[in-house]
Amino acid sequence: MTDQPADPDDRTSPAEDGPAARAAHAGREAAERRRGVVQLVGSLLVALAIAGGTVAAVTSKLGTTSVAALEAREERAKQAEDVREERAKDREDAAKDRRKAREDAATDRGRD
């Protein structure tokens, strides 16, 4: 058996092997860093795609209505309800007035 590893990539200390080995080791480290950067960029792109898909799905489900638009819609609905209630009250008052007018007319005829 020899003291040298079977695979030159398995060397732990390239400084012991000379300038060529150090250059090869530096090249391998640079390639490894590039692979790490490429993997990081790829992961970020996938994360952005997932976030974009989620936003698109939620927006299509809920719509693009803003909070201000929702509040305005609620306010219009409340105003419409208030108008309906006011009209109903006016109808009741008009019915009471007609009843009272009929009663007064009947009372006046009875006095004649």
N, C-alpha and C. Protein backbone atom coordinates (compact mmCIF):
# COMPACT_ATOMS: atom_id res chain seq x y z
N MET A 1 0.83 -1.18 0.00
CA MET A 1 0.00 0.00 0.00
C MET A 1 0.87 1.24 0.00
N THR A 2 0.36 2.31 -0.64
CA THR A 2 1.11 3.57 -0.68
C THR A 2 0.44 4.58 0.22
N ASP A 3 1.18 5.64 0.50
CA ASP A 3 0.63 6.69 1.36
C ASP A 3 -0.22 7.68 0.58
N GLN A 4 -0.13 7.65 -0.75
CA GLN A 4 -0.89 8.58 -1.56
C GLN A 4 -2.29 8.04 -1.81
N PRO A 5 -3.31 8.94 -1.84
CA PRO A 5 -4.66 8.48 -2.15
C PRO A 5 -4.74 8.01 -3.60
N ALA A 6 -5.68 7.10 -3.87
CA ALA A 6 -5.85 6.56 -5.21
C ALA A 6 -6.38 7.63 -6.16
N ASP A 7 -7.21 8.51 -5.67
CA ASP A 7 -7.81 9.56 -6.49
C ASP A 7 -7.12 10.88 -6.17
N PRO A 8 -6.60 11.58 -7.18
CA PRO A 8 -5.93 12.85 -6.88
C PRO A 8 -6.87 13.89 -6.29
N ASP A 9 -8.17 13.79 -6.52
CA ASP A 9 -9.12 14.74 -5.94
C ASP A 9 -9.28 14.57 -4.44
N ASP A 10 -8.84 13.45 -3.91
CA ASP A 10 -8.99 13.18 -2.49
C ASP A 10 -7.89 13.78 -1.64
N ARG A 11 -6.96 14.51 -2.24
CA ARG A 11 -5.88 15.12 -1.48
C ARG A 11 -6.46 16.15 -0.52
N THR A 12 -5.99 16.15 0.69
CA THR A 12 -6.49 17.11 1.67
C THR A 12 -5.63 18.36 1.74
N SER A 13 -4.38 18.25 1.37
CA SER A 13 -3.50 19.40 1.46
C SER A 13 -2.77 19.59 0.14
N PRO A 14 -3.34 20.40 -0.77
CA PRO A 14 -2.70 20.60 -2.06
C PRO A 14 -1.37 21.34 -1.95
N ALA A 15 -1.12 22.02 -0.87
CA ALA A 15 0.12 22.76 -0.71
C ALA A 15 1.32 21.82 -0.68
N GLU A 16 1.14 20.59 -0.30
CA GLU A 16 2.23 19.63 -0.21
C GLU A 16 2.64 19.10 -1.58
N ASP A 17 1.78 19.24 -2.59
CA ASP A 17 2.02 18.62 -3.87
C ASP A 17 2.63 19.55 -4.90
N GLY A 18 2.78 20.80 -4.64
CA GLY A 18 3.42 21.70 -5.57
C GLY A 18 2.44 22.64 -6.23
N PRO A 19 2.94 23.55 -7.06
CA PRO A 19 2.12 24.58 -7.68
C PRO A 19 1.05 24.02 -8.61
N ALA A 20 1.33 22.98 -9.33
CA ALA A 20 0.33 22.42 -10.25
C ALA A 20 -0.85 21.85 -9.47
N ALA A 21 -0.55 21.18 -8.40
CA ALA A 21 -1.62 20.60 -7.58
C ALA A 21 -2.44 21.71 -6.92
N ARG A 22 -1.73 22.76 -6.49
CA ARG A 22 -2.45 23.88 -5.87
C ARG A 22 -3.37 24.54 -6.89
N ALA A 23 -2.93 24.71 -8.10
CA ALA A 23 -3.73 25.32 -9.15
C ALA A 23 -4.94 24.44 -9.47
N ALA A 24 -4.72 23.14 -9.52
CA ALA A 24 -5.83 22.21 -9.80
C ALA A 24 -6.85 22.26 -8.66
N HIS A 25 -6.33 22.31 -7.44
CA HIS A 25 -7.23 22.38 -6.28
C HIS A 25 -8.01 23.69 -6.29
N ALA A 26 -7.34 24.79 -6.62
CA ALA A 26 -8.02 26.08 -6.69
C ALA A 26 -9.08 26.06 -7.78
N GLY A 27 -8.80 25.42 -8.89
CA GLY A 27 -9.77 25.30 -9.97
C GLY A 27 -11.00 24.50 -9.54
N ARG A 28 -10.75 23.42 -8.79
CA ARG A 28 -11.87 22.61 -8.29
C ARG A 28 -12.72 23.41 -7.30
N GLU A 29 -12.05 24.19 -6.45
CA GLU A 29 -12.80 25.02 -5.49
C GLU A 29 -13.62 26.08 -6.22
N ALA A 30 -13.05 26.69 -7.24
CA ALA A 30 -13.77 27.70 -8.01
C ALA A 30 -14.98 27.07 -8.71
N ALA A 31 -14.79 25.88 -9.27
CA ALA A 31 -15.91 25.19 -9.93
C ALA A 31 -17.00 24.86 -8.91
N GLU A 32 -16.57 24.46 -7.73
CA GLU A 32 -17.55 24.14 -6.68
C GLU A 32 -18.33 25.39 -6.25
N ARG A 33 -17.63 26.53 -6.15
CA ARG A 33 -18.31 27.78 -5.82
C ARG A 33 -19.30 28.16 -6.91
N ARG A 34 -18.89 27.99 -8.18
CA ARG A 34 -19.80 28.30 -9.29
C ARG A 34 -21.05 27.42 -9.23
N ARG A 35 -20.83 26.14 -8.94
CA ARG A 35 -21.99 25.24 -8.83
C ARG A 35 -22.91 25.71 -7.70
N GLY A 36 -22.32 26.17 -6.60
CA GLY A 36 -23.12 26.67 -5.49
C GLY A 36 -23.90 27.92 -5.87
N VAL A 37 -23.25 28.81 -6.62
CA VAL A 37 -23.92 30.03 -7.06
C VAL A 37 -25.05 29.69 -8.02
N VAL A 38 -24.79 28.78 -8.95
CA VAL A 38 -25.82 28.37 -9.91
C VAL A 38 -26.99 27.74 -9.17
N GLN A 39 -26.70 26.90 -8.17
CA GLN A 39 -27.78 26.28 -7.40
C GLN A 39 -28.57 27.34 -6.63
N LEU A 40 -27.87 28.31 -6.05
CA LEU A 40 -28.55 29.38 -5.33
C LEU A 40 -29.47 30.18 -6.25
N VAL A 41 -28.96 30.56 -7.41
CA VAL A 41 -29.76 31.32 -8.37
C VAL A 41 -30.97 30.50 -8.81
N GLY A 42 -30.74 29.22 -9.08
CA GLY A 42 -31.85 28.34 -9.47
C GLY A 42 -32.90 28.25 -8.38
N SER A 43 -32.46 28.12 -7.14
CA SER A 43 -33.40 28.05 -6.02
C SER A 43 -34.20 29.34 -5.88
N LEU A 44 -33.53 30.48 -6.07
CA LEU A 44 -34.24 31.76 -5.99
C LEU A 44 -35.27 31.89 -7.11
N LEU A 45 -34.92 31.44 -8.31
CA LEU A 45 -35.87 31.49 -9.42
C LEU A 45 -37.09 30.61 -9.15
N VAL A 46 -36.86 29.44 -8.60
CA VAL A 46 -37.98 28.54 -8.26
C VAL A 46 -38.85 29.18 -7.18
N ALA A 47 -38.21 29.80 -6.19
CA ALA A 47 -38.98 30.46 -5.12
C ALA A 47 -39.83 31.60 -5.69
N LEU A 48 -39.25 32.38 -6.60
CA LEU A 48 -40.01 33.46 -7.23
C LEU A 48 -41.17 32.91 -8.05
N ALA A 49 -40.95 31.81 -8.74
CA ALA A 49 -42.02 31.21 -9.54
C ALA A 49 -43.15 30.72 -8.63
N ILE A 50 -42.80 30.12 -7.51
CA ILE A 50 -43.82 29.65 -6.57
C ILE A 50 -44.60 30.83 -6.00
N ALA A 51 -43.89 31.89 -5.60
CA ALA A 51 -44.56 33.07 -5.05
C ALA A 51 -45.46 33.71 -6.10
N GLY A 52 -44.97 33.80 -7.33
CA GLY A 52 -45.79 34.38 -8.40
C GLY A 52 -47.03 33.55 -8.67
N GLY A 53 -46.87 32.24 -8.66
CA GLY A 53 -48.02 31.36 -8.86
C GLY A 53 -49.04 31.49 -7.75
N THR A 54 -48.55 31.62 -6.53
CA THR A 54 -49.45 31.78 -5.38
C THR A 54 -50.22 33.09 -5.48
N VAL A 55 -49.53 34.16 -5.81
CA VAL A 55 -50.19 35.46 -5.96
C VAL A 55 -51.24 35.40 -7.07
N ALA A 56 -50.89 34.77 -8.18
CA ALA A 56 -51.84 34.66 -9.30
C ALA A 56 -53.07 33.85 -8.89
N ALA A 57 -52.85 32.75 -8.17
CA ALA A 57 -53.97 31.92 -7.75
C ALA A 57 -54.89 32.66 -6.78
N VAL A 58 -54.32 33.34 -5.81
CA VAL A 58 -55.13 34.07 -4.83
C VAL A 58 -55.86 35.22 -5.50
N THR A 59 -55.18 35.92 -6.38
CA THR A 59 -55.80 37.05 -7.07
C THR A 59 -56.96 36.59 -7.94
N SER A 60 -56.78 35.47 -8.64
CA SER A 60 -57.85 34.99 -9.49
C SER A 60 -59.04 34.52 -8.66
N LYS A 61 -58.78 34.01 -7.48
CA LYS A 61 -59.85 33.51 -6.62
C LYS A 61 -60.59 34.67 -5.94
N LEU A 62 -59.85 35.65 -5.44
CA LEU A 62 -60.45 36.74 -4.67
C LEU A 62 -60.70 37.99 -5.51
N GLY A 63 -60.01 38.14 -6.59
CA GLY A 63 -60.16 39.34 -7.39
C GLY A 63 -59.16 40.40 -6.95
N THR A 64 -59.11 41.47 -7.71
CA THR A 64 -58.13 42.51 -7.43
C THR A 64 -58.73 43.67 -6.65
N THR A 65 -59.88 43.46 -6.03
CA THR A 65 -60.56 44.53 -5.32
C THR A 65 -59.73 45.01 -4.14
N SER A 66 -59.54 46.30 -4.07
CA SER A 66 -58.76 46.87 -2.98
C SER A 66 -59.65 47.06 -1.75
N VAL A 67 -59.02 47.34 -0.65
CA VAL A 67 -59.76 47.56 0.60
C VAL A 67 -60.66 48.79 0.45
N ALA A 68 -60.17 49.83 -0.18
CA ALA A 68 -60.97 51.05 -0.37
C ALA A 68 -62.21 50.76 -1.20
N ALA A 69 -62.05 49.94 -2.24
CA ALA A 69 -63.20 49.59 -3.08
C ALA A 69 -64.21 48.76 -2.30
N LEU A 70 -63.72 47.84 -1.46
CA LEU A 70 -64.63 47.04 -0.64
C LEU A 70 -65.38 47.93 0.36
N GLU A 71 -64.68 48.87 0.97
CA GLU A 71 -65.33 49.77 1.92
C GLU A 71 -66.37 50.63 1.21
N ALA A 72 -66.05 51.10 0.02
CA ALA A 72 -67.00 51.91 -0.74
C ALA A 72 -68.24 51.09 -1.09
N ARG A 73 -68.04 49.83 -1.46
CA ARG A 73 -69.17 48.95 -1.77
C ARG A 73 -70.05 48.75 -0.54
N GLU A 74 -69.42 48.53 0.61
CA GLU A 74 -70.18 48.36 1.85
C GLU A 74 -70.96 49.63 2.18
N GLU A 75 -70.34 50.78 1.99
CA GLU A 75 -71.00 52.06 2.28
C GLU A 75 -72.21 52.26 1.37
N ARG A 76 -72.05 51.93 0.07
CA ARG A 76 -73.19 52.05 -0.85
C ARG A 76 -74.33 51.11 -0.45
N ALA A 77 -73.99 49.90 -0.02
CA ALA A 77 -75.02 48.95 0.41
C ALA A 77 -75.75 49.48 1.65
N LYS A 78 -74.99 50.08 2.58
CA LYS A 78 -75.61 50.64 3.78
C LYS A 78 -76.53 51.80 3.42
N GLN A 79 -76.07 52.66 2.51
CA GLN A 79 -76.90 53.79 2.10
C GLN A 79 -78.17 53.31 1.41
N ALA A 80 -78.05 52.28 0.58
CA ALA A 80 -79.23 51.74 -0.10
C ALA A 80 -80.21 51.17 0.92
N GLU A 81 -79.69 50.51 1.95
CA GLU A 81 -80.56 49.98 3.00
C GLU A 81 -81.25 51.12 3.76
N ASP A 82 -80.51 52.18 4.05
CA ASP A 82 -81.10 53.34 4.72
C ASP A 82 -82.22 53.96 3.88
N VAL A 83 -82.00 54.04 2.57
CA VAL A 83 -83.03 54.59 1.68
C VAL A 83 -84.27 53.70 1.70
N ARG A 84 -84.07 52.38 1.66
CA ARG A 84 -85.23 51.46 1.71
C ARG A 84 -86.00 51.62 3.01
N GLU A 85 -85.27 51.74 4.12
CA GLU A 85 -85.93 51.90 5.41
C GLU A 85 -86.70 53.22 5.46
N GLU A 86 -86.12 54.29 4.94
CA GLU A 86 -86.79 55.60 4.92
C GLU A 86 -88.06 55.55 4.08
N ARG A 87 -87.99 54.89 2.91
CA ARG A 87 -89.17 54.78 2.05
C ARG A 87 -90.27 53.97 2.74
N ALA A 88 -89.89 52.90 3.45
CA ALA A 88 -90.89 52.10 4.16
C ALA A 88 -91.55 52.93 5.25
N LYS A 89 -90.74 53.74 5.95
CA LYS A 89 -91.30 54.60 7.00
C LYS A 89 -92.24 55.63 6.38
N ASP A 90 -91.85 56.21 5.24
CA ASP A 90 -92.71 57.19 4.55
C ASP A 90 -94.03 56.54 4.13
N ARG A 91 -93.98 55.30 3.64
CA ARG A 91 -95.22 54.60 3.24
C ARG A 91 -96.12 54.37 4.44
N GLU A 92 -95.52 53.99 5.56
CA GLU A 92 -96.32 53.79 6.78
C GLU A 92 -96.96 55.10 7.22
N ASP A 93 -96.19 56.18 7.20
CA ASP A 93 -96.73 57.48 7.59
C ASP A 93 -97.86 57.92 6.65
N ALA A 94 -97.67 57.69 5.36
CA ALA A 94 -98.71 58.06 4.39
C ALA A 94 -99.97 57.23 4.62
N ALA A 95 -99.80 55.95 4.94
CA ALA A 95 -100.96 55.09 5.21
C ALA A 95 -101.69 55.59 6.45
N LYS A 96 -100.96 55.98 7.49
CA LYS A 96 -101.57 56.50 8.72
C LYS A 96 -102.34 57.79 8.42
N ASP A 97 -101.72 58.66 7.61
CA ASP A 97 -102.37 59.93 7.26
C ASP A 97 -103.67 59.67 6.49
N ARG A 98 -103.67 58.71 5.56
CA ARG A 98 -104.88 58.40 4.79
C ARG A 98 -105.96 57.84 5.71
N ARG A 99 -105.55 56.95 6.63
CA ARG A 99 -106.51 56.40 7.58
C ARG A 99 -107.13 57.50 8.43
N LYS A 100 -106.29 58.39 8.93
CA LYS A 100 -106.78 59.49 9.76
C LYS A 100 -107.71 60.40 8.95
N ALA A 101 -107.36 60.66 7.69
CA ALA A 101 -108.20 61.51 6.84
C ALA A 101 -109.55 60.84 6.62
N ARG A 102 -109.57 59.52 6.41
CA ARG A 102 -110.84 58.80 6.22
C ARG A 102 -111.67 58.85 7.50
N GLU A 103 -111.01 58.66 8.64
CA GLU A 103 -111.72 58.71 9.92
C GLU A 103 -112.30 60.11 10.15
N ASP A 104 -111.52 61.14 9.84
CA ASP A 104 -112.00 62.51 10.02
C ASP A 104 -113.18 62.80 9.09
N ALA A 105 -113.08 62.30 7.86
CA ALA A 105 -114.15 62.50 6.90
C ALA A 105 -115.42 61.79 7.36
N ALA A 106 -115.22 60.59 7.91
CA ALA A 106 -116.39 59.83 8.40
C ALA A 106 -117.00 60.52 9.60
N THR A 107 -116.19 61.07 10.45
CA THR A 107 -116.68 61.80 11.63
C THR A 107 -117.43 63.05 11.20
N ASP A 108 -116.91 63.77 10.21
CA ASP A 108 -117.56 64.98 9.72
C ASP A 108 -118.91 64.64 9.09
N ARG A 109 -119.01 63.53 8.38
CA ARG A 109 -120.27 63.15 7.76
C ARG A 109 -121.30 62.75 8.82
N GLY A 110 -120.79 62.19 9.89
CA GLY A 110 -121.70 61.79 10.95
C GLY A 110 -122.28 62.97 11.69
N ARG A 111 -121.63 64.08 11.67
CA ARG A 111 -122.13 65.28 12.34
C ARG A 111 -123.16 65.98 11.49
N ASP A 112 -123.15 65.75 10.21
CA ASP A 112 -124.09 66.44 9.31
C ASP A 112 -125.46 65.93 9.44
